[in-house]
Amino acid sequence: MSFSKQLYLTYLLILIFSTPVLSANEIFRSVDKQGRITYSDTPSSGAEPVKIISRPSRQLHQVTRVYDGDTIILEGKKHVRLLGINTPEIESRQRAEEPGGVTAKKWLQTQLQENKVYLEYDQVKQDKYKRLLAHVFLPDGKHLNLALLENGLAVISIIPPNGRYTDKLIQAQQHAEKLKLGIWSMPEYQPRPITQITNHTKGWQRFTGTPVSIKKSKKYTRLLFSDKVDIRVANTNLDLFLC
């Protein structure tokens, strides 16, 4: 997803998710009169549930190049898109450079001087561009997706069903915003009144406002800000927003 194509209604709609827990069937432990221990996925009299702790697996890879602030290239020309974040665009044939894009890329290059990373996947492993989607960790355990947000070099971007580490990512961005780190000190990324949205032509911007009314239909909920501005949210996605 392009950084420049995202629209955030900051402080109006806050995207919230609970970090997914890896699914597993519930297991029950029982002991018979002879002291024999058995396990089953069906509860029985006197059986006690067993807490199963799942840990996400991580795989070590060799990095050949940093494409931009949120994309790296591995051996075999495999592109990896860092999950949960977006950094400003760098200049390319398709788009112009956005403020902060080069800074984010250079920071990531500095972090990857050893050229080795661990990848941790979420529920969806690839996007429509065939890029791998992953949380990226250095051998010392540093979480690069999180660190980019902590330093104000990226903005959070959660796309369901991938939602691992969401709480930590949100907290990291909020802290960076509070301290005005990185892009949060730049005028280009300051929130603007939603009344100005009709004059918006291109580039990433944040808008803030209070709806004058809310209308709900069978499929959608509409937030009306004026006779010219309203936002439509699919009812199936309402649980992803806190209004």
Protein backbone atom coordinates (compact mmCIF):
# COMPACT_ATOMS: atom_id res chain seq x y z
CA MET A 1 0.00 0.00 0.00
CA SER A 2 1.38 3.36 -0.99
CA PHE A 3 2.12 5.80 1.79
CA SER A 4 0.80 8.59 -0.39
CA LYS A 5 -2.56 6.94 -0.93
CA GLN A 6 -3.48 6.58 2.72
CA LEU A 7 -5.90 8.84 4.54
CA TYR A 8 -5.91 9.03 8.31
CA LEU A 9 -8.64 10.74 10.30
CA THR A 10 -6.38 11.31 13.25
CA TYR A 11 -8.01 11.42 16.67
CA LEU A 12 -11.39 10.84 15.03
CA LEU A 13 -11.04 7.23 14.02
CA ILE A 14 -8.45 5.15 15.82
CA LEU A 15 -7.76 1.76 14.38
CA ILE A 16 -7.63 -0.83 17.12
CA PHE A 17 -6.98 -4.52 17.03
CA SER A 18 -6.07 -7.16 19.51
CA THR A 19 -2.87 -8.93 18.55
CA PRO A 20 -3.89 -12.31 17.13
CA VAL A 21 -3.07 -15.39 19.15
CA LEU A 22 -1.97 -18.41 17.19
CA SER A 23 -4.93 -20.79 17.19
CA ALA A 24 -4.80 -24.17 18.86
CA ASN A 25 -7.40 -26.65 20.07
CA GLU A 26 -8.05 -26.62 23.79
CA ILE A 27 -6.44 -29.59 25.52
CA PHE A 28 -7.58 -31.19 28.78
CA ARG A 29 -5.47 -33.22 31.25
CA SER A 30 -7.02 -35.94 33.40
CA VAL A 31 -5.71 -38.46 35.92
CA ASP A 32 -7.50 -41.77 36.51
CA LYS A 33 -7.68 -43.78 39.75
CA GLN A 34 -4.47 -45.62 38.87
CA GLY A 35 -2.62 -42.30 38.47
CA ARG A 36 -2.36 -42.58 34.71
CA ILE A 37 -2.33 -39.24 32.90
CA THR A 38 -4.18 -38.77 29.64
CA TYR A 39 -4.77 -35.76 27.38
CA SER A 40 -7.81 -35.08 25.23
CA ASP A 41 -9.44 -32.29 23.27
CA THR A 42 -12.78 -33.27 24.86
CA PRO A 43 -13.43 -32.21 28.48
CA SER A 44 -14.37 -34.92 30.97
CA SER A 45 -15.25 -34.99 34.64
CA GLY A 46 -12.29 -33.83 36.72
CA ALA A 47 -10.20 -32.90 33.67
CA GLU A 48 -8.25 -29.66 33.80
CA PRO A 49 -7.49 -27.43 30.80
CA VAL A 50 -3.85 -27.23 29.75
CA LYS A 51 -2.52 -23.83 28.79
CA ILE A 52 -0.81 -24.02 25.41
CA ILE A 53 1.74 -21.33 24.63
CA SER A 54 2.46 -20.80 20.95
CA ARG A 55 5.52 -18.89 19.87
CA PRO A 56 5.88 -17.52 16.35
CA SER A 57 8.77 -19.04 14.43
CA ARG A 58 11.46 -16.85 12.89
CA GLN A 59 13.69 -17.68 9.97
CA LEU A 60 17.14 -16.21 9.29
CA HIS A 61 17.73 -14.61 5.87
CA GLN A 62 20.46 -12.73 4.02
CA VAL A 63 19.64 -9.17 2.94
CA THR A 64 21.09 -7.97 -0.36
CA ARG A 65 19.61 -4.46 -0.56
CA VAL A 66 17.32 -1.94 1.09
CA TYR A 67 14.75 -0.80 -1.45
CA ASP A 68 13.16 1.93 0.69
CA GLY A 69 12.22 2.59 4.31
CA ASP A 70 9.75 -0.29 4.55
CA THR A 71 10.96 -2.77 1.90
CA ILE A 72 14.08 -4.92 1.80
CA ILE A 73 15.37 -7.40 -0.79
CA LEU A 74 16.70 -10.83 0.16
CA GLU A 75 18.88 -13.31 -1.66
CA GLY A 76 17.01 -14.66 -4.65
CA LYS A 77 15.52 -11.20 -5.29
CA LYS A 78 12.70 -11.77 -2.81
CA HIS A 79 11.11 -8.50 -1.71
CA VAL A 80 9.97 -8.21 1.91
CA ARG A 81 7.45 -5.57 2.93
CA LEU A 82 7.64 -4.70 6.63
CA LEU A 83 4.28 -5.39 8.26
CA GLY A 84 2.26 -2.84 10.18
CA ILE A 85 4.00 0.30 8.94
CA ASN A 86 4.40 2.68 6.00
CA THR A 87 7.30 5.03 5.37
CA PRO A 88 7.24 8.04 3.02
CA GLU A 89 7.96 7.29 -0.61
CA ILE A 90 11.37 7.73 -2.20
CA GLU A 91 11.67 9.13 -5.72
CA SER A 92 11.00 6.66 -8.52
CA ARG A 93 9.65 6.58 -12.06
CA GLN A 94 6.12 6.20 -10.68
CA ARG A 95 6.11 8.86 -7.95
CA ALA A 96 7.87 11.85 -6.49
CA GLU A 97 9.83 11.77 -3.25
CA GLU A 98 7.89 12.49 -0.06
CA PRO A 99 9.45 14.29 2.92
CA GLY A 100 11.18 11.79 5.19
CA GLY A 101 11.44 9.00 2.62
CA VAL A 102 15.20 9.18 2.10
CA THR A 103 15.82 9.53 5.83
CA ALA A 104 13.85 6.33 6.57
CA LYS A 105 15.74 4.42 3.86
CA LYS A 106 19.15 5.55 5.14
CA TRP A 107 18.21 4.64 8.71
CA LEU A 108 17.21 1.14 7.62
CA GLN A 109 20.43 0.74 5.63
CA THR A 110 22.45 1.63 8.74
CA GLN A 111 20.56 -0.98 10.78
CA LEU A 112 21.19 -3.71 8.20
CA GLN A 113 24.95 -3.40 7.83
CA GLU A 114 25.38 -7.03 8.92
CA ASN A 115 22.91 -8.08 6.20
CA LYS A 116 21.18 -10.72 8.29
CA VAL A 117 17.60 -10.60 9.56
CA TYR A 118 14.98 -12.87 11.04
CA LEU A 119 11.54 -12.81 9.43
CA GLU A 120 8.36 -13.46 11.39
CA TYR A 121 5.18 -13.92 9.35
CA ASP A 122 1.58 -13.21 10.32
CA GLN A 123 -1.59 -14.81 8.93
CA VAL A 124 -1.17 -13.52 5.35
CA LYS A 125 2.36 -14.14 4.09
CA GLN A 126 2.26 -12.38 0.70
CA ASP A 127 0.58 -9.31 -0.79
CA LYS A 128 -0.88 -8.87 -4.28
CA TYR A 129 2.55 -7.84 -5.56
CA LYS A 130 4.00 -11.20 -4.42
CA ARG A 131 6.10 -9.48 -1.76
CA LEU A 132 6.65 -11.32 1.51
CA LEU A 133 4.95 -9.65 4.47
CA ALA A 134 6.87 -9.93 7.71
CA HIS A 135 8.05 -8.45 10.96
CA VAL A 136 11.80 -8.06 10.65
CA PHE A 137 14.22 -8.60 13.51
CA LEU A 138 17.97 -8.15 13.78
CA PRO A 139 20.03 -11.02 15.21
CA ASP A 140 20.19 -9.13 18.52
CA GLY A 141 16.38 -9.14 18.68
CA LYS A 142 15.71 -5.53 17.63
CA HIS A 143 12.29 -5.22 15.99
CA LEU A 144 12.83 -2.96 12.97
CA ASN A 145 9.13 -2.39 12.21
CA LEU A 146 8.66 -1.12 15.75
CA ALA A 147 11.90 0.89 15.78
CA LEU A 148 10.91 2.80 12.63
CA LEU A 149 7.76 3.96 14.41
CA GLU A 150 9.63 4.73 17.62
CA ASN A 151 11.94 7.07 15.72
CA GLY A 152 9.13 8.85 13.87
CA LEU A 153 10.25 7.46 10.51
CA ALA A 154 7.04 5.61 9.68
CA VAL A 155 3.31 5.64 10.26
CA ILE A 156 1.28 2.67 11.46
CA SER A 157 -0.63 0.74 8.78
CA ILE A 158 -2.58 -2.31 9.97
CA ILE A 159 -4.25 -4.37 7.26
CA PRO A 160 -6.42 -7.25 8.55
CA PRO A 161 -6.13 -10.10 9.12
CA ASN A 162 -2.48 -9.33 9.90
CA GLY A 163 -2.47 -7.65 13.28
CA ARG A 164 0.40 -9.03 15.34
CA TYR A 165 2.11 -6.49 17.63
CA THR A 166 -0.60 -3.89 16.92
CA ASP A 167 -0.74 -2.58 20.48
CA LYS A 168 3.02 -2.05 20.59
CA LEU A 169 3.05 -0.39 17.18
CA ILE A 170 0.28 2.02 18.14
CA GLN A 171 2.04 2.95 21.38
CA ALA A 172 5.31 3.54 19.49
CA GLN A 173 3.70 5.95 17.04
CA GLN A 174 1.80 7.81 19.75
CA HIS A 175 5.04 8.27 21.70
CA ALA A 176 6.92 9.53 18.62
CA GLU A 177 4.09 11.95 17.82
CA LYS A 178 4.11 13.27 21.37
CA LEU A 179 7.84 13.97 21.16
CA LYS A 180 7.54 15.30 17.57
CA LEU A 181 10.17 12.92 16.28
CA GLY A 182 10.96 12.52 12.59
CA ILE A 183 8.01 13.14 10.29
CA TRP A 184 5.87 14.34 13.20
CA SER A 185 7.92 17.54 13.33
CA MET A 186 7.31 18.24 9.63
CA PRO A 187 4.50 20.57 8.50
CA GLU A 188 3.51 18.12 5.75
CA TYR A 189 2.29 15.61 8.34
CA GLN A 190 0.39 17.85 10.71
CA PRO A 191 -3.39 17.24 10.90
CA ARG A 192 -5.59 19.61 8.90
CA PRO A 193 -9.28 20.46 9.30
CA ILE A 194 -11.43 18.01 7.40
CA THR A 195 -13.11 20.93 5.65
CA GLN A 196 -9.93 21.24 3.59
CA ILE A 197 -10.13 17.71 2.25
CA THR A 198 -11.96 18.78 -0.90
CA ASN A 199 -8.90 20.83 -1.88
CA HIS A 200 -6.59 17.87 -1.39
CA THR A 201 -5.11 16.59 -4.66
CA LYS A 202 -2.21 14.24 -3.90
CA GLY A 203 0.23 13.14 -1.25
CA TRP A 204 -0.35 11.77 2.22
CA GLN A 205 -2.22 14.00 4.64
CA ARG A 206 -4.05 13.71 7.95
CA PHE A 207 -7.43 15.31 8.56
CA THR A 208 -9.34 15.76 11.77
CA GLY A 209 -12.94 16.68 12.40
CA THR A 210 -16.16 15.91 14.26
CA PRO A 211 -19.13 14.43 12.37
CA VAL A 212 -22.38 16.36 12.63
CA SER A 213 -24.37 13.17 12.19
CA ILE A 214 -23.99 9.43 11.71
CA LYS A 215 -26.22 7.40 9.40
CA LYS A 216 -26.31 3.64 9.21
CA SER A 217 -27.65 1.45 6.42
CA LYS A 218 -27.66 -2.28 5.93
CA LYS A 219 -24.12 -2.36 4.54
CA TYR A 220 -22.48 0.92 5.55
CA THR A 221 -22.14 3.52 8.29
CA ARG A 222 -21.66 7.08 7.07
CA LEU A 223 -20.01 9.85 9.08
CA LEU A 224 -21.29 13.18 7.81
CA PHE A 225 -19.06 16.21 8.38
CA SER A 226 -20.82 18.61 6.00
CA ASP A 227 -22.98 18.56 2.88
CA LYS A 228 -19.77 17.97 0.88
CA VAL A 229 -17.79 15.64 3.10
CA ASP A 230 -18.79 12.27 4.48
CA ILE A 231 -16.92 9.04 5.12
CA ARG A 232 -18.37 5.61 4.49
CA VAL A 233 -17.28 2.59 6.55
CA ALA A 234 -18.46 -0.93 5.79
CA ASN A 235 -20.41 -2.29 8.75
CA THR A 236 -18.31 -5.45 8.57
CA ASN A 237 -15.29 -3.28 9.47
CA LEU A 238 -16.84 -1.28 12.28
CA ASP A 239 -15.21 -3.43 14.93
CA LEU A 240 -11.85 -2.19 13.64
CA PHE A 241 -12.64 1.39 14.58
CA LEU A 242 -13.24 3.26 17.79
CA CYS A 243 -15.29 6.41 17.20
